[in-house]
Amino acid sequence: MISIQFDKLQLWQFSNLSKCNEINHFISGRNGGCSTGELGGLNLSFKVNDTELNVLQNRKLLSKVMNVAENHLVFPEQTHSDKVAVLKNLNSDDFFSNTDALVTNLKGVCIAVMSADCVPILLFDKTNMAIGAIHAGWRGTVSKILEKTVEAMEKEFGTKPSDLIAGIGPSISPGIYEVGQEVIDAAENAFGNITSMVNKIEGKTFFNLWEANRFQLISKELNPDNIEVAGICTYQNADKFFSARKSKNKAGRFGAGIVINPR
C-alpha cells in the first residue's frame, strides 16, 4: 500500500488498484477529521457514540477527496452478515440493512465499508467496469462473503475472476488475532484444511484473516498476482487506524471505498 496526503487527511491506496485510471479508491485512517477522543478524528460510523454532525462532516471530507457528491458515498448497514447487495441506482430509501458487501457498475458512486480490525476488501473488474467493497470479520470470512461477492459480480456484470484486481486492507494481524475454538471450528467447516490460516503458540490459537480471504479469491481462480494484501495490523498501528480490540470496543471506524470515475 501507499500513503497519500489529501489536505489534512492521511489516506492509503493499494499499489495495484492505484495503477487503474478508470477508478479511484481509498483506505482512510483515524486522523484528520473532526471527531474527538477515542473517535478522533475521522470516524465514519453513526453507531459509536459520535455526534451525527461529526460523522456527516467526516464523510463530506471523503466525498470531496473522491470527487463524488455527498449522497454518492454509500455505506451499507453492516452486521457481520454474508449478504451482498447490488447498487443499481441511488434510491435514498434503500439503506442496505444487514449488508456487508456492495457491488455496482454505476459511475461516480463510491461504495464503501467500515472497519476497526475486520478486513476491508476492494475489487475491480477492469473488463466489465464493475467494483465491489466488502467487510469481512471472522463471521463474514467463514461465511465466505468474499467468495459470494465475486459470484454476485459474475452474475450481475459478467465478471470473470481472472479479470479481477483485489486489495485486502488493514486489519488485525495473524500474530495478534487470538481466537477461541468457535472460530476454529467455523473455519474448518468452511475451508477444510486451515493449516495455513492458523498458528498455535503456547496454548493460544491465532487466526489469519488475511490468508482466509486470500484463499477465497484463489479458490475463485483469481490471478494471485492481482491480489494485494496490505499486511498492516490495525491493532499494532492504532495511532493510524481504529482498532476495536486495542481500544476495548471504544474505537471509531475507518473506511475503504472505491468509485468508477465518470468519463
Foldseek 3Di string as FASTA:
>chain_A
DDWDDDPFWIWDDDPLVVVDPQKDKTWGWQEDFCWDDQSHDLFQDPPQPTDPVRNLRSLCVVCVVRVADSLLEAEAADDQALDEEECEDSDVVDRNYNHFKYKYQDFRHKYKYKDAQWKWKKKAQPPQRMIMIGTHDLSNLLVLSVLVNQVVCCVPRVGQLQRMAMEIEEHAAQVPAWDDPVSVVSNCVRPPDCPVQWDDDPNTIGGGSQVSNLVSSVVSPYDNVRYHYPRHHCLVPVVTHHHCVNVVNNHGIIMIIMGRHDD
